[in-house]
Amino acid sequence: MSAWDELVRLVETGAPDGALAIADADLVHLVQRAIDERSVDPELNADSVARWLPALVAGYRAAGASGDRGDETEIPELLRILTRWLHPARPRGIATP
């Protein structure tokens, strides 16, 4: 499994409860692996991303809270935000299908 796939799985499973099931140091290592694989923008700092990612997931939970868990129907939107935030920028003028 790629590091990107692992990050997505962490967010998908952690978003409803607002927490990621990974130790801080392991998350930094996973983000660095994703950067090394070029699935996360190499201009980003692994330590910073590892600090912000749990905050994003906690914010998702807080913004969509309607009881004990977040609104799971919005997880795809959270993943879209995550993808656009972390993936390397595409060169301008290149259309995607």
PDB file of N, CA and C in Angstrom:
ATOM      1  N   MET A   1       0.852  -1.172   0.000  1.00  0.00           N
ATOM      2  CA  MET A   1       0.000   0.000   0.000  1.00  0.00           C
ATOM      3  C   MET A   1       0.900   1.238   0.000  1.00  0.00           C
ATOM      4  N   SER A   2       0.540   2.204  -0.825  1.00  0.00           N
ATOM      5  CA  SER A   2       1.328   3.430  -0.879  1.00  0.00           C
ATOM      6  C   SER A   2       1.095   4.259   0.385  1.00  0.00           C
ATOM      7  N   ALA A   3       2.017   5.164   0.641  1.00  0.00           N
ATOM      8  CA  ALA A   3       1.871   6.048   1.797  1.00  0.00           C
ATOM      9  C   ALA A   3       0.613   6.910   1.645  1.00  0.00           C
ATOM     10  N   TRP A   4       0.328   7.333   0.413  1.00  0.00           N
ATOM     11  CA  TRP A   4      -0.880   8.128   0.176  1.00  0.00           C
ATOM     12  C   TRP A   4      -2.128   7.333   0.556  1.00  0.00           C
ATOM     13  N   ASP A   5      -2.180   6.075   0.118  1.00  0.00           N
ATOM     14  CA  ASP A   5      -3.329   5.224   0.449  1.00  0.00           C
ATOM     15  C   ASP A   5      -3.474   5.056   1.962  1.00  0.00           C
ATOM     16  N   GLU A   6      -2.354   4.951   2.654  1.00  0.00           N
ATOM     17  CA  GLU A   6      -2.403   4.835   4.120  1.00  0.00           C
ATOM     18  C   GLU A   6      -2.947   6.115   4.758  1.00  0.00           C
ATOM     19  N   LEU A   7      -2.522   7.278   4.234  1.00  0.00           N
ATOM     20  CA  LEU A   7      -3.034   8.547   4.764  1.00  0.00           C
ATOM     21  C   LEU A   7      -4.542   8.661   4.546  1.00  0.00           C
ATOM     22  N   VAL A   8      -4.990   8.304   3.349  1.00  0.00           N
ATOM     23  CA  VAL A   8      -6.424   8.364   3.051  1.00  0.00           C
ATOM     24  C   VAL A   8      -7.199   7.426   3.975  1.00  0.00           C
ATOM     25  N   ARG A   9      -6.693   6.223   4.168  1.00  0.00           N
ATOM     26  CA  ARG A   9      -7.360   5.262   5.055  1.00  0.00           C
ATOM     27  C   ARG A   9      -7.448   5.812   6.477  1.00  0.00           C
ATOM     28  N   LEU A  10      -6.363   6.432   6.953  1.00  0.00           N
ATOM     29  CA  LEU A  10      -6.370   7.028   8.298  1.00  0.00           C
ATOM     30  C   LEU A  10      -7.457   8.089   8.431  1.00  0.00           C
ATOM     31  N   VAL A  11      -7.552   8.936   7.423  1.00  0.00           N
ATOM     32  CA  VAL A  11      -8.549  10.006   7.466  1.00  0.00           C
ATOM     33  C   VAL A  11      -9.961   9.428   7.373  1.00  0.00           C
ATOM     34  N   GLU A  12     -10.175   8.491   6.468  1.00  0.00           N
ATOM     35  CA  GLU A  12     -11.506   7.882   6.326  1.00  0.00           C
ATOM     36  C   GLU A  12     -11.975   7.226   7.620  1.00  0.00           C
ATOM     37  N   THR A  13     -11.079   6.517   8.274  1.00  0.00           N
ATOM     38  CA  THR A  13     -11.474   5.805   9.491  1.00  0.00           C
ATOM     39  C   THR A  13     -11.494   6.715  10.716  1.00  0.00           C
ATOM     40  N   GLY A  14     -10.692   7.771  10.710  1.00  0.00           N
ATOM     41  CA  GLY A  14     -10.618   8.650  11.870  1.00  0.00           C
ATOM     42  C   GLY A  14     -11.585   9.810  11.855  1.00  0.00           C
ATOM     43  N   ALA A  15     -12.028  10.219  10.667  1.00  0.00           N
ATOM     44  CA  ALA A  15     -12.872  11.407  10.557  1.00  0.00           C
ATOM     45  C   ALA A  15     -14.158  11.339  11.377  1.00  0.00           C
ATOM     46  N   PRO A  16     -14.889  10.241  11.361  1.00  0.00           N
ATOM     47  CA  PRO A  16     -16.144  10.233  12.128  1.00  0.00           C
ATOM     48  C   PRO A  16     -15.955  10.498  13.625  1.00  0.00           C
ATOM     49  N   ASP A  17     -14.825  10.081  14.173  1.00  0.00           N
ATOM     50  CA  ASP A  17     -14.566  10.294  15.600  1.00  0.00           C
ATOM     51  C   ASP A  17     -13.699  11.518  15.861  1.00  0.00           C
ATOM     52  N   GLY A  18     -13.139  12.119  14.801  1.00  0.00           N
ATOM     53  CA  GLY A  18     -12.328  13.311  14.946  1.00  0.00           C
ATOM     54  C   GLY A  18     -10.919  13.067  15.433  1.00  0.00           C
ATOM     55  N   ALA A  19     -10.402  11.854  15.248  1.00  0.00           N
ATOM     56  CA  ALA A  19      -9.039  11.548  15.703  1.00  0.00           C
ATOM     57  C   ALA A  19      -8.403  10.519  14.774  1.00  0.00           C
ATOM     58  N   LEU A  20      -7.102  10.654  14.587  1.00  0.00           N
ATOM     59  CA  LEU A  20      -6.357   9.693  13.777  1.00  0.00           C
ATOM     60  C   LEU A  20      -5.745   8.642  14.683  1.00  0.00           C
ATOM     61  N   ALA A  21      -5.847   7.395  14.271  1.00  0.00           N
ATOM     62  CA  ALA A  21      -5.331   6.276  15.078  1.00  0.00           C
ATOM     63  C   ALA A  21      -3.887   5.991  14.698  1.00  0.00           C
ATOM     64  N   ILE A  22      -3.012   6.950  15.037  1.00  0.00           N
ATOM     65  CA  ILE A  22      -1.591   6.793  14.741  1.00  0.00           C
ATOM     66  C   ILE A  22      -0.805   7.693  15.697  1.00  0.00           C
ATOM     67  N   ALA A  23       0.346   7.230  16.125  1.00  0.00           N
ATOM     68  CA  ALA A  23       1.213   8.035  16.992  1.00  0.00           C
ATOM     69  C   ALA A  23       1.803   9.192  16.184  1.00  0.00           C
ATOM     70  N   ASP A  24       2.092  10.297  16.857  1.00  0.00           N
ATOM     71  CA  ASP A  24       2.615  11.485  16.182  1.00  0.00           C
ATOM     72  C   ASP A  24       3.851  11.182  15.343  1.00  0.00           C
ATOM     73  N   ALA A  25       4.818  10.488  15.921  1.00  0.00           N
ATOM     74  CA  ALA A  25       6.066  10.186  15.205  1.00  0.00           C
ATOM     75  C   ALA A  25       5.803   9.301  13.994  1.00  0.00           C
ATOM     76  N   ASP A  26       4.865   8.375  14.118  1.00  0.00           N
ATOM     77  CA  ASP A  26       4.527   7.505  12.989  1.00  0.00           C
ATOM     78  C   ASP A  26       3.847   8.293  11.877  1.00  0.00           C
ATOM     79  N   LEU A  27       3.046   9.286  12.239  1.00  0.00           N
ATOM     80  CA  LEU A  27       2.392  10.115  11.235  1.00  0.00           C
ATOM     81  C   LEU A  27       3.426  10.948  10.485  1.00  0.00           C
ATOM     82  N   VAL A  28       4.396  11.509  11.190  1.00  0.00           N
ATOM     83  CA  VAL A  28       5.468  12.263  10.532  1.00  0.00           C
ATOM     84  C   VAL A  28       6.190  11.357   9.537  1.00  0.00           C
ATOM     85  N   HIS A  29       6.510  10.150   9.958  1.00  0.00           N
ATOM     86  CA  HIS A  29       7.202   9.203   9.083  1.00  0.00           C
ATOM     87  C   HIS A  29       6.342   8.865   7.862  1.00  0.00           C
ATOM     88  N   LEU A  30       5.058   8.650   8.064  1.00  0.00           N
ATOM     89  CA  LEU A  30       4.157   8.319   6.960  1.00  0.00           C
ATOM     90  C   LEU A  30       4.056   9.483   5.978  1.00  0.00           C
ATOM     91  N   VAL A  31       3.930  10.691   6.480  1.00  0.00           N
ATOM     92  CA  VAL A  31       3.876  11.866   5.604  1.00  0.00           C
ATOM     93  C   VAL A  31       5.187  11.998   4.834  1.00  0.00           C
ATOM     94  N   GLN A  32       6.313  11.771   5.491  1.00  0.00           N
ATOM     95  CA  GLN A  32       7.601  11.854   4.800  1.00  0.00           C
ATOM     96  C   GLN A  32       7.693  10.803   3.698  1.00  0.00           C
ATOM     97  N   ARG A  33       7.180   9.603   3.964  1.00  0.00           N
ATOM     98  CA  ARG A  33       7.143   8.564   2.921  1.00  0.00           C
ATOM     99  C   ARG A  33       6.316   9.030   1.728  1.00  0.00           C
ATOM    100  N   ALA A  34       5.185   9.657   2.007  1.00  0.00           N
ATOM    101  CA  ALA A  34       4.329  10.156   0.928  1.00  0.00           C
ATOM    102  C   ALA A  34       5.032  11.263   0.142  1.00  0.00           C
ATOM    103  N   ILE A  35       5.778  12.100   0.829  1.00  0.00           N
ATOM    104  CA  ILE A  35       6.563  13.134   0.146  1.00  0.00           C
ATOM    105  C   ILE A  35       7.628  12.475  -0.720  1.00  0.00           C
ATOM    106  N   ASP A  36       8.317  11.498  -0.175  1.00  0.00           N
ATOM    107  CA  ASP A  36       9.355  10.795  -0.933  1.00  0.00           C
ATOM    108  C   ASP A  36       8.780  10.088  -2.156  1.00  0.00           C
ATOM    109  N   GLU A  37       7.547   9.597  -2.041  1.00  0.00           N
ATOM    110  CA  GLU A  37       6.863   8.940  -3.163  1.00  0.00           C
ATOM    111  C   GLU A  37       6.304   9.954  -4.158  1.00  0.00           C
ATOM    112  N   ARG A  38       6.337  11.224  -3.798  1.00  0.00           N
ATOM    113  CA  ARG A  38       5.829  12.326  -4.611  1.00  0.00           C
ATOM    114  C   ARG A  38       4.302  12.353  -4.697  1.00  0.00           C
ATOM    115  N   SER A  39       3.625  11.682  -3.770  1.00  0.00           N
ATOM    116  CA  SER A  39       2.168  11.779  -3.735  1.00  0.00           C
ATOM    117  C   SER A  39       1.719  12.932  -2.845  1.00  0.00           C
ATOM    118  N   VAL A  40       2.639  13.442  -2.033  1.00  0.00           N
ATOM    119  CA  VAL A  40       2.427  14.666  -1.263  1.00  0.00           C
ATOM    120  C   VAL A  40       3.460  15.673  -1.748  1.00  0.00           C
ATOM    121  N   ASP A  41       3.036  16.908  -1.892  1.00  0.00           N
ATOM    122  CA  ASP A  41       3.875  17.978  -2.413  1.00  0.00           C
ATOM    123  C   ASP A  41       5.198  18.053  -1.648  1.00  0.00           C
ATOM    124  N   PRO A  42       6.332  17.941  -2.354  1.00  0.00           N
ATOM    125  CA  PRO A  42       7.629  17.983  -1.680  1.00  0.00           C
ATOM    126  C   PRO A  42       7.974  19.346  -1.082  1.00  0.00           C
ATOM    127  N   GLU A  43       7.204  20.380  -1.417  1.00  0.00           N
ATOM    128  CA  GLU A  43       7.438  21.686  -0.801  1.00  0.00           C
ATOM    129  C   GLU A  43       6.870  21.753   0.612  1.00  0.00           C
ATOM    130  N   LEU A  44       6.047  20.774   0.968  1.00  0.00           N
ATOM    131  CA  LEU A  44       5.471  20.741   2.313  1.00  0.00           C
ATOM    132  C   LEU A  44       6.444  20.094   3.292  1.00  0.00           C
ATOM    133  N   ASN A  45       6.342  20.493   4.537  1.00  0.00           N
ATOM    134  CA  ASN A  45       7.179  19.962   5.600  1.00  0.00           C
ATOM    135  C   ASN A  45       6.416  18.852   6.322  1.00  0.00           C
ATOM    136  N   ALA A  46       7.025  17.679   6.428  1.00  0.00           N
ATOM    137  CA  ALA A  46       6.351  16.518   7.023  1.00  0.00           C
ATOM    138  C   ALA A  46       5.891  16.793   8.453  1.00  0.00           C
ATOM    139  N   ASP A  47       6.710  17.472   9.248  1.00  0.00           N
ATOM    140  CA  ASP A  47       6.321  17.777  10.633  1.00  0.00           C
ATOM    141  C   ASP A  47       5.086  18.679  10.676  1.00  0.00           C
ATOM    142  N   SER A  48       5.062  19.677   9.799  1.00  0.00           N
ATOM    143  CA  SER A  48       3.917  20.595   9.768  1.00  0.00           C
ATOM    144  C   SER A  48       2.648  19.887   9.312  1.00  0.00           C
ATOM    145  N   VAL A  49       2.767  19.086   8.253  1.00  0.00           N
ATOM    146  CA  VAL A  49       1.595  18.354   7.762  1.00  0.00           C
ATOM    147  C   VAL A  49       1.075  17.417   8.848  1.00  0.00           C
ATOM    148  N   ALA A  50       1.990  16.764   9.555  1.00  0.00           N
ATOM    149  CA  ALA A  50       1.591  15.829  10.615  1.00  0.00           C
ATOM    150  C   ALA A  50       0.933  16.560  11.788  1.00  0.00           C
ATOM    151  N   ARG A  51       1.211  17.843  11.953  1.00  0.00           N
ATOM    152  CA  ARG A  51       0.540  18.645  12.981  1.00  0.00           C
ATOM    153  C   ARG A  51      -0.837  19.104  12.499  1.00  0.00           C
ATOM    154  N   TRP A  52      -0.920  19.495  11.230  1.00  0.00           N
ATOM    155  CA  TRP A  52      -2.158  20.039  10.682  1.00  0.00           C
ATOM    156  C   TRP A  52      -3.187  18.972  10.346  1.00  0.00           C
ATOM    157  N   LEU A  53      -2.746  17.799   9.935  1.00  0.00           N
ATOM    158  CA  LEU A  53      -3.683  16.757   9.518  1.00  0.00           C
ATOM    159  C   LEU A  53      -4.650  16.346  10.638  1.00  0.00           C
ATOM    160  N   PRO A  54      -4.164  16.076  11.850  1.00  0.00           N
ATOM    161  CA  PRO A  54      -5.116  15.767  12.933  1.00  0.00           C
ATOM    162  C   PRO A  54      -6.052  16.942  13.246  1.00  0.00           C
ATOM    163  N   ALA A  55      -5.544  18.171  13.093  1.00  0.00           N
ATOM    164  CA  ALA A  55      -6.397  19.343  13.332  1.00  0.00           C
ATOM    165  C   ALA A  55      -7.502  19.426  12.284  1.00  0.00           C
ATOM    166  N   LEU A  56      -7.173  19.096  11.035  1.00  0.00           N
ATOM    167  CA  LEU A  56      -8.181  19.080   9.977  1.00  0.00           C
ATOM    168  C   LEU A  56      -9.260  18.043  10.277  1.00  0.00           C
ATOM    169  N   VAL A  57      -8.840  16.867  10.702  1.00  0.00           N
ATOM    170  CA  VAL A  57      -9.791  15.799  11.018  1.00  0.00           C
ATOM    171  C   VAL A  57     -10.647  16.181  12.231  1.00  0.00           C
ATOM    172  N   ALA A  58     -10.030  16.768  13.240  1.00  0.00           N
ATOM    173  CA  ALA A  58     -10.790  17.214  14.415  1.00  0.00           C
ATOM    174  C   ALA A  58     -11.764  18.326  14.030  1.00  0.00           C
ATOM    175  N   GLY A  59     -11.327  19.217  13.146  1.00  0.00           N
ATOM    176  CA  GLY A  59     -12.204  20.288  12.673  1.00  0.00           C
ATOM    177  C   GLY A  59     -13.382  19.754  11.885  1.00  0.00           C
ATOM    178  N   TYR A  60     -13.134  18.736  11.087  1.00  0.00           N
ATOM    179  CA  TYR A  60     -14.222  18.082  10.347  1.00  0.00           C
ATOM    180  C   TYR A  60     -15.271  17.567  11.327  1.00  0.00           C
ATOM    181  N   ARG A  61     -14.813  16.912  12.364  1.00  0.00           N
ATOM    182  CA  ARG A  61     -15.710  16.333  13.372  1.00  0.00           C
ATOM    183  C   ARG A  61     -16.492  17.439  14.075  1.00  0.00           C
ATOM    184  N   ALA A  62     -15.789  18.510  14.436  1.00  0.00           N
ATOM    185  CA  ALA A  62     -16.444  19.609  15.149  1.00  0.00           C
ATOM    186  C   ALA A  62     -17.453  20.338  14.255  1.00  0.00           C
ATOM    187  N   ALA A  63     -17.104  20.539  12.989  1.00  0.00           N
ATOM    188  CA  ALA A  63     -17.985  21.272  12.080  1.00  0.00           C
ATOM    189  C   ALA A  63     -19.231  20.482  11.709  1.00  0.00           C
ATOM    190  N   GLY A  64     -19.102  19.166  11.654  1.00  0.00           N
ATOM    191  CA  GLY A  64     -20.237  18.362  11.227  1.00  0.00           C
ATOM    192  C   GLY A  64     -20.888  17.583  12.336  1.00  0.00           C
ATOM    193  N   ALA A  65     -20.500  17.871  13.551  1.00  0.00           N
ATOM    194  CA  ALA A  65     -21.000  17.072  14.675  1.00  0.00           C
ATOM    195  C   ALA A  65     -22.510  17.197  14.815  1.00  0.00           C
ATOM    196  N   SER A  66     -23.145  16.050  14.849  1.00  0.00           N
ATOM    197  CA  SER A  66     -24.589  16.013  15.099  1.00  0.00           C
ATOM    198  C   SER A  66     -24.847  14.865  16.065  1.00  0.00           C
ATOM    199  N   GLY A  67     -24.155  14.916  17.164  1.00  0.00           N
ATOM    200  CA  GLY A  67     -24.214  13.823  18.127  1.00  0.00           C
ATOM    201  C   GLY A  67     -22.797  13.416  18.477  1.00  0.00           C
ATOM    202  N   ASP A  68     -22.564  12.128  18.553  1.00  0.00           N
ATOM    203  CA  ASP A  68     -21.251  11.636  18.960  1.00  0.00           C
ATOM    204  C   ASP A  68     -20.255  11.542  17.816  1.00  0.00           C
ATOM    205  N   ARG A  69     -20.724  11.561  16.573  1.00  0.00           N
ATOM    206  CA  ARG A  69     -19.836  11.389  15.424  1.00  0.00           C
ATOM    207  C   ARG A  69     -20.141  12.453  14.376  1.00  0.00           C
ATOM    208  N   GLY A  70     -19.153  12.716  13.495  1.00  0.00           N
ATOM    209  CA  GLY A  70     -19.353  13.650  12.399  1.00  0.00           C
ATOM    210  C   GLY A  70     -20.287  13.066  11.347  1.00  0.00           C
ATOM    211  N   ASP A  71     -20.681  13.879  10.411  1.00  0.00           N
ATOM    212  CA  ASP A  71     -21.551  13.449   9.323  1.00  0.00           C
ATOM    213  C   ASP A  71     -20.720  12.680   8.306  1.00  0.00           C
ATOM    214  N   GLU A  72     -20.844  11.367   8.322  1.00  0.00           N
ATOM    215  CA  GLU A  72     -20.007  10.519   7.474  1.00  0.00           C
ATOM    216  C   GLU A  72     -20.286  10.709   5.991  1.00  0.00           C
ATOM    217  N   THR A  73     -21.410  11.318   5.636  1.00  0.00           N
ATOM    218  CA  THR A  73     -21.689  11.543   4.222  1.00  0.00           C
ATOM    219  C   THR A  73     -20.769  12.603   3.632  1.00  0.00           C
ATOM    220  N   GLU A  74     -20.107  13.375   4.469  1.00  0.00           N
ATOM    221  CA  GLU A  74     -19.211  14.414   3.979  1.00  0.00           C
ATOM    222  C   GLU A  74     -17.754  13.976   3.942  1.00  0.00           C
ATOM    223  N   ILE A  75     -17.461  12.729   4.250  1.00  0.00           N
ATOM    224  CA  ILE A  75     -16.075  12.256   4.197  1.00  0.00           C
ATOM    225  C   ILE A  75     -15.484  12.413   2.798  1.00  0.00           C
ATOM    226  N   PRO A  76     -16.227  12.124   1.710  1.00  0.00           N
ATOM    227  CA  PRO A  76     -15.638  12.352   0.379  1.00  0.00           C
ATOM    228  C   PRO A  76     -15.205  13.806   0.163  1.00  0.00           C
ATOM    229  N   GLU A  77     -15.974  14.753   0.705  1.00  0.00           N
ATOM    230  CA  GLU A  77     -15.599  16.163   0.583  1.00  0.00           C
ATOM    231  C   GLU A  77     -14.322  16.447   1.372  1.00  0.00           C
ATOM    232  N   LEU A  78     -14.215  15.879   2.552  1.00  0.00           N
ATOM    233  CA  LEU A  78     -12.997  16.019   3.349  1.00  0.00           C
ATOM    234  C   LEU A  78     -11.800  15.454   2.587  1.00  0.00           C
ATOM    235  N   LEU A  79     -11.971  14.313   1.945  1.00  0.00           N
ATOM    236  CA  LEU A  79     -10.874  13.708   1.181  1.00  0.00           C
ATOM    237  C   LEU A  79     -10.503  14.565  -0.028  1.00  0.00           C
ATOM    238  N   ARG A  80     -11.481  15.217  -0.652  1.00  0.00           N
ATOM    239  CA  ARG A  80     -11.192  16.116  -1.773  1.00  0.00           C
ATOM    240  C   ARG A  80     -10.355  17.300  -1.291  1.00  0.00           C
ATOM    241  N   ILE A  81     -10.724  17.854  -0.151  1.00  0.00           N
ATOM    242  CA  ILE A  81      -9.948  18.957   0.425  1.00  0.00           C
ATOM    243  C   ILE A  81      -8.528  18.486   0.730  1.00  0.00           C
ATOM    244  N   LEU A  82      -8.416  17.334   1.339  1.00  0.00           N
ATOM    245  CA  LEU A  82      -7.108  16.772   1.673  1.00  0.00           C
ATOM    246  C   LEU A  82      -6.260  16.579   0.421  1.00  0.00           C
ATOM    247  N   THR A  83      -6.861  16.032  -0.616  1.00  0.00           N
ATOM    248  CA  THR A  83      -6.136  15.773  -1.859  1.00  0.00           C
ATOM    249  C   THR A  83      -5.633  17.068  -2.473  1.00  0.00           C
ATOM    250  N   ARG A  84      -6.476  18.067  -2.520  1.00  0.00           N
ATOM    251  CA  ARG A  84      -6.062  19.336  -3.139  1.00  0.00           C
ATOM    252  C   ARG A  84      -5.051  20.087  -2.288  1.00  0.00           C
ATOM    253  N   TRP A  85      -5.077  19.855  -1.007  1.00  0.00           N
ATOM    254  CA  TRP A  85      -4.125  20.509  -0.109  1.00  0.00           C
ATOM    255  C   TRP A  85      -2.758  19.849  -0.199  1.00  0.00           C
ATOM    256  N   LEU A  86      -2.719  18.524  -0.241  1.00  0.00           N
ATOM    257  CA  LEU A  86      -1.448  17.818  -0.126  1.00  0.00           C
ATOM    258  C   LEU A  86      -0.791  17.443  -1.445  1.00  0.00           C
ATOM    259  N   HIS A  87      -1.570  17.169  -2.473  1.00  0.00           N
ATOM    260  CA  HIS A  87      -0.958  16.731  -3.727  1.00  0.00           C
ATOM    261  C   HIS A  87      -0.156  17.854  -4.366  1.00  0.00           C
ATOM    262  N   PRO A  88       0.903  17.501  -5.078  1.00  0.00           N
ATOM    263  CA  PRO A  88       1.662  18.526  -5.801  1.00  0.00           C
ATOM    264  C   PRO A  88       0.750  19.243  -6.801  1.00  0.00           C
ATOM    265  N   ALA A  89       1.022  20.510  -7.000  1.00  0.00           N
ATOM    266  CA  ALA A  89       0.221  21.291  -7.945  1.00  0.00           C
ATOM    267  C   ALA A  89       0.437  20.782  -9.363  1.00  0.00           C
ATOM    268  N   ARG A  90      -0.641  20.803 -10.146  1.00  0.00           N
ATOM    269  CA  ARG A  90      -0.527  20.452 -11.565  1.00  0.00           C
ATOM    270  C   ARG A  90      -0.072  21.689 -12.313  1.00  0.00           C
ATOM    271  N   PRO A  91       0.726  21.498 -13.347  1.00  0.00           N
ATOM    272  CA  PRO A  91       1.107  22.659 -14.167  1.00  0.00           C
ATOM    273  C   PRO A  91      -0.139  23.324 -14.752  1.00  0.00           C
ATOM    274  N   ARG A  92      -0.136  24.628 -14.805  1.00  0.00           N
ATOM    275  CA  ARG A  92      -1.289  25.357 -15.348  1.00  0.00           C
ATOM    276  C   ARG A  92      -1.442  25.038 -16.831  1.00  0.00           C
ATOM    277  N   GLY A  93      -2.683  25.033 -17.275  1.00  0.00           N
ATOM    278  CA  GLY A  93      -2.953  24.802 -18.683  1.00  0.00           C
ATOM    279  C   GLY A  93      -3.136  23.339 -19.042  1.00  0.00           C
ATOM    280  N   ILE A  94      -2.958  22.452 -18.073  1.00  0.00           N
ATOM    281  CA  ILE A  94      -3.142  21.032 -18.344  1.00  0.00           C
ATOM    282  C   ILE A  94      -4.507  20.638 -17.799  1.00  0.00           C
ATOM    283  N   ALA A  95      -5.368  20.264 -18.702  1.00  0.00           N
ATOM    284  CA  ALA A  95      -6.714  19.858 -18.293  1.00  0.00           C
ATOM    285  C   ALA A  95      -6.696  18.411 -17.837  1.00  0.00           C
ATOM    286  N   THR A  96      -7.532  18.112 -16.884  1.00  0.00           N
ATOM    287  CA  THR A  96      -7.680  16.726 -16.440  1.00  0.00           C
ATOM    288  C   THR A  96      -9.053  16.249 -16.863  1.00  0.00           C
ATOM    289  N   PRO A  97      -9.159  14.995 -17.215  1.00  0.00           N
ATOM    290  CA  PRO A  97     -10.452  14.481 -17.676  1.00  0.00           C
ATOM    291  C   PRO A  97     -11.489  14.472 -16.572  1.00  0.00           C
TER     292      PRO A  97
END
